[in-house]
Amino acid sequence: MKEILKTIANHSGVFVEFNANPNNNNTTDCVVRAIAVATEREWEDVMRDLFEFGMKHKLVFNDPDCYAMYLKELGFTKQKQPKKKNGKKYRAYEWAPKFKGIAVAHVGSHHMVAIRNGKVLDSWDSTDGIVGNYWTK
């Protein structure tokens, strides 16, 4: 995961293509990828932890209740959906550059990404999606 910081440093845009999946698969593992990137942990470790956490709590690993509790256990705090002064919602390409820090965020419908210091790291460009709730550490 050390390549994350190098990837960000060499990129000027908001979206940074980065797939934490060790086989570079494009699959329904966005929760695992986002948490792995946000925590700088290996995809396999996060997948294993989420699976075990889900087994313990009788939840599927990518169920919102499961990963919300898991993120809390990792020291993340859930934040409300950010909104503009006029009450309108932000798209990721608008909000991420304003965000300094590390977050795991809902973007669009049923998708999660990692945001690190103004950059959206994902295996595809999801920055047109509306930012929902997010977790910070």
N, C-alpha and C. Protein backbone atom coordinates (compact mmCIF):
# COMPACT_ATOMS: atom_id res chain seq x y z
N MET A 1 0.80 -1.21 0.00
CA MET A 1 0.00 0.00 0.00
C MET A 1 0.85 1.27 0.00
N LYS A 2 2.13 1.14 0.11
CA LYS A 2 2.98 2.33 0.10
C LYS A 2 2.91 3.07 -1.23
N GLU A 3 2.51 2.37 -2.28
CA GLU A 3 2.41 3.01 -3.59
C GLU A 3 1.27 4.03 -3.64
N ILE A 4 0.37 4.01 -2.66
CA ILE A 4 -0.73 4.98 -2.62
C ILE A 4 -0.19 6.40 -2.56
N LEU A 5 0.70 6.66 -1.63
CA LEU A 5 1.23 8.02 -1.46
C LEU A 5 2.01 8.46 -2.69
N LYS A 6 2.74 7.54 -3.30
CA LYS A 6 3.48 7.87 -4.51
C LYS A 6 2.52 8.18 -5.65
N THR A 7 1.45 7.40 -5.76
CA THR A 7 0.45 7.62 -6.80
C THR A 7 -0.20 8.99 -6.65
N ILE A 8 -0.56 9.35 -5.42
CA ILE A 8 -1.19 10.65 -5.17
C ILE A 8 -0.24 11.78 -5.48
N ALA A 9 0.99 11.65 -5.06
CA ALA A 9 1.98 12.72 -5.24
C ALA A 9 2.22 13.03 -6.71
N ASN A 10 2.09 12.04 -7.57
CA ASN A 10 2.36 12.22 -9.00
C ASN A 10 1.10 12.52 -9.81
N HIS A 11 0.02 12.92 -9.15
CA HIS A 11 -1.24 13.13 -9.85
C HIS A 11 -1.84 14.48 -9.50
N SER A 12 -2.25 15.23 -10.51
CA SER A 12 -2.77 16.57 -10.26
C SER A 12 -4.30 16.65 -10.23
N GLY A 13 -5.01 15.66 -10.74
CA GLY A 13 -6.46 15.71 -10.79
C GLY A 13 -7.11 15.26 -9.50
N VAL A 14 -8.44 15.35 -9.43
CA VAL A 14 -9.19 14.89 -8.26
C VAL A 14 -9.26 13.37 -8.26
N PHE A 15 -9.55 12.78 -9.42
CA PHE A 15 -9.64 11.32 -9.51
C PHE A 15 -8.25 10.72 -9.73
N VAL A 16 -7.94 9.73 -8.91
CA VAL A 16 -6.69 8.98 -9.07
C VAL A 16 -7.07 7.51 -9.22
N GLU A 17 -6.75 6.96 -10.38
CA GLU A 17 -7.07 5.55 -10.61
C GLU A 17 -6.14 4.70 -9.77
N PHE A 18 -6.74 3.94 -8.85
CA PHE A 18 -5.96 3.07 -7.97
C PHE A 18 -6.85 1.90 -7.57
N ASN A 19 -6.44 0.71 -7.91
CA ASN A 19 -7.21 -0.48 -7.57
C ASN A 19 -6.43 -1.29 -6.54
N ALA A 20 -6.95 -1.30 -5.32
CA ALA A 20 -6.29 -2.03 -4.23
C ALA A 20 -6.45 -3.54 -4.35
N ASN A 21 -7.32 -3.99 -5.24
CA ASN A 21 -7.52 -5.42 -5.43
C ASN A 21 -6.22 -6.02 -5.96
N PRO A 22 -5.68 -7.02 -5.28
CA PRO A 22 -4.37 -7.57 -5.67
C PRO A 22 -4.32 -8.18 -7.06
N ASN A 23 -5.47 -8.60 -7.60
CA ASN A 23 -5.52 -9.13 -8.96
C ASN A 23 -5.99 -8.08 -9.94
N ASN A 24 -6.14 -6.84 -9.46
CA ASN A 24 -6.62 -5.73 -10.28
C ASN A 24 -8.00 -6.02 -10.85
N ASN A 25 -8.78 -6.83 -10.13
CA ASN A 25 -10.13 -7.16 -10.57
C ASN A 25 -11.06 -5.97 -10.40
N ASN A 26 -11.95 -5.80 -11.34
CA ASN A 26 -13.03 -4.83 -11.20
C ASN A 26 -14.27 -5.63 -10.84
N THR A 27 -14.54 -5.67 -9.55
CA THR A 27 -15.62 -6.49 -9.03
C THR A 27 -16.38 -5.68 -7.99
N THR A 28 -17.28 -6.29 -7.28
CA THR A 28 -18.11 -5.58 -6.30
C THR A 28 -17.43 -5.49 -4.93
N ASP A 29 -16.16 -5.15 -4.93
CA ASP A 29 -15.39 -5.09 -3.68
C ASP A 29 -15.07 -3.66 -3.26
N CYS A 30 -15.91 -2.70 -3.64
CA CYS A 30 -15.58 -1.29 -3.37
C CYS A 30 -15.42 -1.00 -1.89
N VAL A 31 -16.18 -1.67 -1.03
CA VAL A 31 -16.05 -1.45 0.41
C VAL A 31 -14.66 -1.87 0.86
N VAL A 32 -14.23 -3.02 0.43
CA VAL A 32 -12.91 -3.53 0.80
C VAL A 32 -11.81 -2.62 0.26
N ARG A 33 -11.92 -2.25 -1.02
CA ARG A 33 -10.91 -1.38 -1.64
C ARG A 33 -10.82 -0.03 -0.94
N ALA A 34 -11.98 0.57 -0.66
CA ALA A 34 -11.99 1.89 -0.02
C ALA A 34 -11.36 1.85 1.37
N ILE A 35 -11.71 0.86 2.15
CA ILE A 35 -11.15 0.75 3.50
C ILE A 35 -9.65 0.44 3.43
N ALA A 36 -9.25 -0.44 2.51
CA ALA A 36 -7.83 -0.76 2.37
C ALA A 36 -7.02 0.49 2.02
N VAL A 37 -7.51 1.29 1.09
CA VAL A 37 -6.80 2.50 0.69
C VAL A 37 -6.78 3.52 1.82
N ALA A 38 -7.90 3.69 2.50
CA ALA A 38 -7.97 4.68 3.59
C ALA A 38 -7.06 4.32 4.76
N THR A 39 -6.94 3.02 5.02
CA THR A 39 -6.15 2.58 6.18
C THR A 39 -4.72 2.16 5.82
N GLU A 40 -4.41 2.18 4.52
CA GLU A 40 -3.12 1.71 4.01
C GLU A 40 -2.82 0.28 4.43
N ARG A 41 -3.88 -0.52 4.42
CA ARG A 41 -3.75 -1.94 4.72
C ARG A 41 -3.94 -2.73 3.44
N GLU A 42 -3.48 -3.95 3.44
CA GLU A 42 -3.62 -4.80 2.27
C GLU A 42 -5.07 -5.23 2.09
N TRP A 43 -5.48 -5.36 0.83
CA TRP A 43 -6.83 -5.76 0.47
C TRP A 43 -7.21 -7.07 1.17
N GLU A 44 -6.32 -8.04 1.12
CA GLU A 44 -6.59 -9.36 1.73
C GLU A 44 -6.87 -9.24 3.22
N ASP A 45 -6.11 -8.39 3.92
CA ASP A 45 -6.30 -8.23 5.36
C ASP A 45 -7.65 -7.60 5.67
N VAL A 46 -8.02 -6.59 4.90
CA VAL A 46 -9.32 -5.94 5.11
C VAL A 46 -10.45 -6.90 4.78
N MET A 47 -10.33 -7.64 3.68
CA MET A 47 -11.36 -8.60 3.29
C MET A 47 -11.54 -9.65 4.38
N ARG A 48 -10.44 -10.18 4.88
CA ARG A 48 -10.49 -11.20 5.93
C ARG A 48 -11.14 -10.63 7.20
N ASP A 49 -10.70 -9.44 7.60
CA ASP A 49 -11.27 -8.81 8.80
C ASP A 49 -12.76 -8.56 8.66
N LEU A 50 -13.17 -8.01 7.50
CA LEU A 50 -14.60 -7.75 7.29
C LEU A 50 -15.41 -9.04 7.28
N PHE A 51 -14.87 -10.07 6.65
CA PHE A 51 -15.57 -11.35 6.62
C PHE A 51 -15.73 -11.90 8.03
N GLU A 52 -14.65 -11.89 8.81
CA GLU A 52 -14.71 -12.39 10.19
C GLU A 52 -15.63 -11.52 11.05
N PHE A 53 -15.57 -10.22 10.84
CA PHE A 53 -16.44 -9.29 11.56
C PHE A 53 -17.90 -9.59 11.22
N GLY A 54 -18.18 -9.81 9.93
CA GLY A 54 -19.52 -10.16 9.50
C GLY A 54 -19.99 -11.47 10.09
N MET A 55 -19.12 -12.46 10.14
CA MET A 55 -19.48 -13.75 10.74
C MET A 55 -19.83 -13.56 12.22
N LYS A 56 -19.03 -12.80 12.91
CA LYS A 56 -19.25 -12.55 14.34
C LYS A 56 -20.60 -11.88 14.58
N HIS A 57 -20.96 -10.93 13.72
CA HIS A 57 -22.19 -10.15 13.92
C HIS A 57 -23.34 -10.63 13.04
N LYS A 58 -23.12 -11.75 12.31
CA LYS A 58 -24.13 -12.36 11.43
C LYS A 58 -24.61 -11.37 10.37
N LEU A 59 -23.65 -10.73 9.73
CA LEU A 59 -23.90 -9.78 8.65
C LEU A 59 -22.99 -10.09 7.47
N VAL A 60 -23.40 -9.72 6.29
CA VAL A 60 -22.56 -9.85 5.11
C VAL A 60 -21.52 -8.74 5.16
N PHE A 61 -20.30 -9.02 4.73
CA PHE A 61 -19.19 -8.08 4.89
C PHE A 61 -19.43 -6.71 4.28
N ASN A 62 -20.20 -6.63 3.20
CA ASN A 62 -20.43 -5.33 2.56
C ASN A 62 -21.79 -4.73 2.91
N ASP A 63 -22.43 -5.25 3.95
CA ASP A 63 -23.66 -4.67 4.46
C ASP A 63 -23.30 -3.36 5.18
N PRO A 64 -24.06 -2.29 4.95
CA PRO A 64 -23.73 -1.01 5.60
C PRO A 64 -23.59 -1.09 7.12
N ASP A 65 -24.42 -1.90 7.77
CA ASP A 65 -24.28 -2.04 9.23
C ASP A 65 -22.95 -2.69 9.60
N CYS A 66 -22.53 -3.66 8.80
CA CYS A 66 -21.27 -4.36 9.08
C CYS A 66 -20.08 -3.42 8.93
N TYR A 67 -19.95 -2.77 7.78
CA TYR A 67 -18.77 -1.94 7.60
C TYR A 67 -18.81 -0.68 8.44
N ALA A 68 -20.00 -0.19 8.81
CA ALA A 68 -20.07 0.97 9.71
C ALA A 68 -19.53 0.61 11.09
N MET A 69 -19.90 -0.57 11.59
CA MET A 69 -19.38 -1.01 12.90
C MET A 69 -17.89 -1.29 12.80
N TYR A 70 -17.46 -1.87 11.70
CA TYR A 70 -16.04 -2.18 11.51
C TYR A 70 -15.21 -0.89 11.47
N LEU A 71 -15.69 0.10 10.72
CA LEU A 71 -14.98 1.38 10.66
C LEU A 71 -14.91 2.04 12.03
N LYS A 72 -15.99 1.94 12.79
CA LYS A 72 -15.99 2.50 14.16
C LYS A 72 -14.94 1.81 15.01
N GLU A 73 -14.85 0.50 14.86
CA GLU A 73 -13.84 -0.26 15.62
C GLU A 73 -12.42 0.16 15.23
N LEU A 74 -12.24 0.58 13.98
CA LEU A 74 -10.93 1.04 13.51
C LEU A 74 -10.64 2.49 13.91
N GLY A 75 -11.59 3.14 14.59
CA GLY A 75 -11.39 4.50 15.04
C GLY A 75 -11.94 5.57 14.12
N PHE A 76 -12.75 5.18 13.14
CA PHE A 76 -13.36 6.14 12.23
C PHE A 76 -14.69 6.63 12.83
N THR A 77 -15.04 7.85 12.51
CA THR A 77 -16.29 8.46 12.97
C THR A 77 -17.17 8.78 11.77
N LYS A 78 -18.42 8.38 11.85
CA LYS A 78 -19.34 8.65 10.75
C LYS A 78 -19.72 10.13 10.73
N GLN A 79 -19.69 10.70 9.53
CA GLN A 79 -20.04 12.10 9.33
C GLN A 79 -21.29 12.18 8.44
N LYS A 80 -22.07 13.22 8.63
CA LYS A 80 -23.26 13.42 7.80
C LYS A 80 -22.88 13.87 6.40
N GLN A 81 -23.78 13.66 5.50
CA GLN A 81 -23.58 14.07 4.11
C GLN A 81 -23.26 15.57 4.05
N PRO A 82 -22.17 15.92 3.37
CA PRO A 82 -21.84 17.35 3.25
C PRO A 82 -22.80 18.03 2.27
N LYS A 83 -23.15 19.26 2.59
CA LYS A 83 -24.03 20.04 1.71
C LYS A 83 -23.48 21.44 1.55
N LYS A 84 -23.81 22.03 0.42
CA LYS A 84 -23.42 23.40 0.13
C LYS A 84 -24.25 24.36 0.99
N LYS A 85 -23.83 25.61 1.05
CA LYS A 85 -24.56 26.61 1.84
C LYS A 85 -26.01 26.73 1.41
N ASN A 86 -26.29 26.50 0.14
CA ASN A 86 -27.66 26.59 -0.36
C ASN A 86 -28.45 25.28 -0.17
N GLY A 87 -27.85 24.30 0.52
CA GLY A 87 -28.52 23.04 0.81
C GLY A 87 -28.36 21.97 -0.26
N LYS A 88 -27.79 22.34 -1.39
CA LYS A 88 -27.60 21.37 -2.47
C LYS A 88 -26.47 20.41 -2.11
N LYS A 89 -26.52 19.23 -2.72
CA LYS A 89 -25.53 18.20 -2.45
C LYS A 89 -24.31 18.37 -3.33
N TYR A 90 -23.18 17.90 -2.81
CA TYR A 90 -21.92 17.95 -3.54
C TYR A 90 -21.72 16.71 -4.39
N ARG A 91 -21.13 16.88 -5.54
CA ARG A 91 -20.58 15.76 -6.30
C ARG A 91 -19.15 15.58 -5.79
N ALA A 92 -18.63 14.37 -5.93
CA ALA A 92 -17.30 14.08 -5.40
C ALA A 92 -16.23 14.99 -5.98
N TYR A 93 -16.31 15.32 -7.26
CA TYR A 93 -15.29 16.17 -7.86
C TYR A 93 -15.33 17.59 -7.29
N GLU A 94 -16.45 18.01 -6.70
CA GLU A 94 -16.55 19.33 -6.08
C GLU A 94 -16.08 19.30 -4.63
N TRP A 95 -16.46 18.25 -3.90
CA TRP A 95 -16.21 18.20 -2.47
C TRP A 95 -14.82 17.70 -2.11
N ALA A 96 -14.35 16.68 -2.80
CA ALA A 96 -13.06 16.07 -2.43
C ALA A 96 -11.92 17.08 -2.36
N PRO A 97 -11.77 18.00 -3.31
CA PRO A 97 -10.65 18.95 -3.21
C PRO A 97 -10.71 19.84 -1.96
N LYS A 98 -11.89 20.01 -1.39
CA LYS A 98 -12.04 20.82 -0.18
C LYS A 98 -11.70 20.02 1.07
N PHE A 99 -11.71 18.68 0.93
CA PHE A 99 -11.50 17.81 2.08
C PHE A 99 -10.02 17.48 2.26
N LYS A 100 -9.50 17.84 3.39
CA LYS A 100 -8.11 17.51 3.72
C LYS A 100 -8.12 16.48 4.84
N GLY A 101 -7.60 15.34 4.56
CA GLY A 101 -7.61 14.26 5.52
C GLY A 101 -7.87 12.95 4.80
N ILE A 102 -8.31 11.97 5.57
CA ILE A 102 -8.57 10.63 5.03
C ILE A 102 -10.01 10.27 5.35
N ALA A 103 -10.72 9.78 4.34
CA ALA A 103 -12.12 9.40 4.53
C ALA A 103 -12.47 8.18 3.69
N VAL A 104 -13.47 7.47 4.15
CA VAL A 104 -14.15 6.44 3.37
C VAL A 104 -15.54 7.03 3.14
N ALA A 105 -15.94 7.17 1.88
CA ALA A 105 -17.17 7.89 1.58
C ALA A 105 -18.09 7.15 0.62
N HIS A 106 -19.38 7.29 0.88
CA HIS A 106 -20.37 6.85 -0.11
C HIS A 106 -20.35 7.87 -1.23
N VAL A 107 -20.28 7.40 -2.45
CA VAL A 107 -20.33 8.27 -3.63
C VAL A 107 -21.28 7.61 -4.62
N GLY A 108 -22.33 8.31 -4.97
CA GLY A 108 -23.31 7.73 -5.87
C GLY A 108 -24.14 6.68 -5.16
N SER A 109 -24.82 5.89 -5.93
CA SER A 109 -25.71 4.88 -5.39
C SER A 109 -24.95 3.58 -5.13
N HIS A 110 -24.85 3.21 -3.89
CA HIS A 110 -24.25 1.93 -3.49
C HIS A 110 -22.78 1.80 -3.89
N HIS A 111 -22.01 2.85 -3.72
CA HIS A 111 -20.59 2.78 -4.03
C HIS A 111 -19.80 3.48 -2.94
N MET A 112 -18.58 2.99 -2.69
CA MET A 112 -17.71 3.60 -1.69
C MET A 112 -16.34 3.84 -2.28
N VAL A 113 -15.72 4.92 -1.82
CA VAL A 113 -14.37 5.28 -2.27
C VAL A 113 -13.54 5.72 -1.08
N ALA A 114 -12.25 5.77 -1.30
CA ALA A 114 -11.34 6.38 -0.33
C ALA A 114 -11.01 7.77 -0.83
N ILE A 115 -10.95 8.71 0.10
CA ILE A 115 -10.53 10.07 -0.22
C ILE A 115 -9.34 10.38 0.68
N ARG A 116 -8.25 10.79 0.02
CA ARG A 116 -7.03 11.13 0.76
C ARG A 116 -6.56 12.50 0.29
N ASN A 117 -6.62 13.46 1.20
CA ASN A 117 -6.12 14.81 0.94
C ASN A 117 -6.57 15.37 -0.41
N GLY A 118 -7.88 15.36 -0.62
CA GLY A 118 -8.45 15.98 -1.81
C GLY A 118 -8.51 15.10 -3.05
N LYS A 119 -8.08 13.87 -2.95
CA LYS A 119 -8.06 12.95 -4.10
C LYS A 119 -9.01 11.78 -3.85
N VAL A 120 -9.78 11.45 -4.89
CA VAL A 120 -10.66 10.28 -4.84
C VAL A 120 -9.90 9.13 -5.47
N LEU A 121 -9.62 8.10 -4.68
CA LEU A 121 -8.91 6.92 -5.17
C LEU A 121 -9.91 5.80 -5.40
N ASP A 122 -9.96 5.33 -6.62
CA ASP A 122 -10.92 4.31 -6.98
C ASP A 122 -10.42 3.61 -8.24
N SER A 123 -11.02 2.46 -8.54
CA SER A 123 -10.62 1.72 -9.74
C SER A 123 -11.28 2.30 -11.00
N TRP A 124 -12.23 3.19 -10.82
CA TRP A 124 -12.89 3.86 -11.95
C TRP A 124 -13.31 5.25 -11.48
N ASP A 125 -13.55 6.14 -12.43
CA ASP A 125 -13.86 7.53 -12.10
C ASP A 125 -15.31 7.67 -11.65
N SER A 126 -15.50 7.71 -10.35
CA SER A 126 -16.83 7.82 -9.76
C SER A 126 -17.09 9.24 -9.24
N THR A 127 -16.25 10.19 -9.62
CA THR A 127 -16.32 11.53 -9.04
C THR A 127 -17.55 12.33 -9.44
N ASP A 128 -18.34 11.86 -10.40
CA ASP A 128 -19.58 12.55 -10.75
C ASP A 128 -20.70 12.18 -9.77
N GLY A 129 -20.47 11.19 -8.93
CA GLY A 129 -21.47 10.75 -7.97
C GLY A 129 -21.65 11.73 -6.83
N ILE A 130 -22.84 11.73 -6.26
CA ILE A 130 -23.16 12.57 -5.10
C ILE A 130 -22.50 11.97 -3.86
N VAL A 131 -21.85 12.82 -3.07
CA VAL A 131 -21.22 12.38 -1.82
C VAL A 131 -22.31 12.19 -0.77
N GLY A 132 -22.29 11.05 -0.12
CA GLY A 132 -23.23 10.76 0.96
C GLY A 132 -22.51 10.83 2.30
N ASN A 133 -22.92 9.99 3.21
CA ASN A 133 -22.22 9.91 4.50
C ASN A 133 -20.79 9.47 4.26
N TYR A 134 -19.93 9.84 5.21
CA TYR A 134 -18.54 9.44 5.10
C TYR A 134 -17.96 9.26 6.50
N TRP A 135 -16.86 8.56 6.57
CA TRP A 135 -16.20 8.26 7.83
C TRP A 135 -14.80 8.85 7.81
N THR A 136 -14.41 9.47 8.92
CA THR A 136 -13.08 10.05 9.04
C THR A 136 -12.38 9.49 10.27
N LYS A 137 -11.07 9.59 10.25
CA LYS A 137 -10.28 9.15 11.41
C LYS A 137 -9.53 10.32 11.97
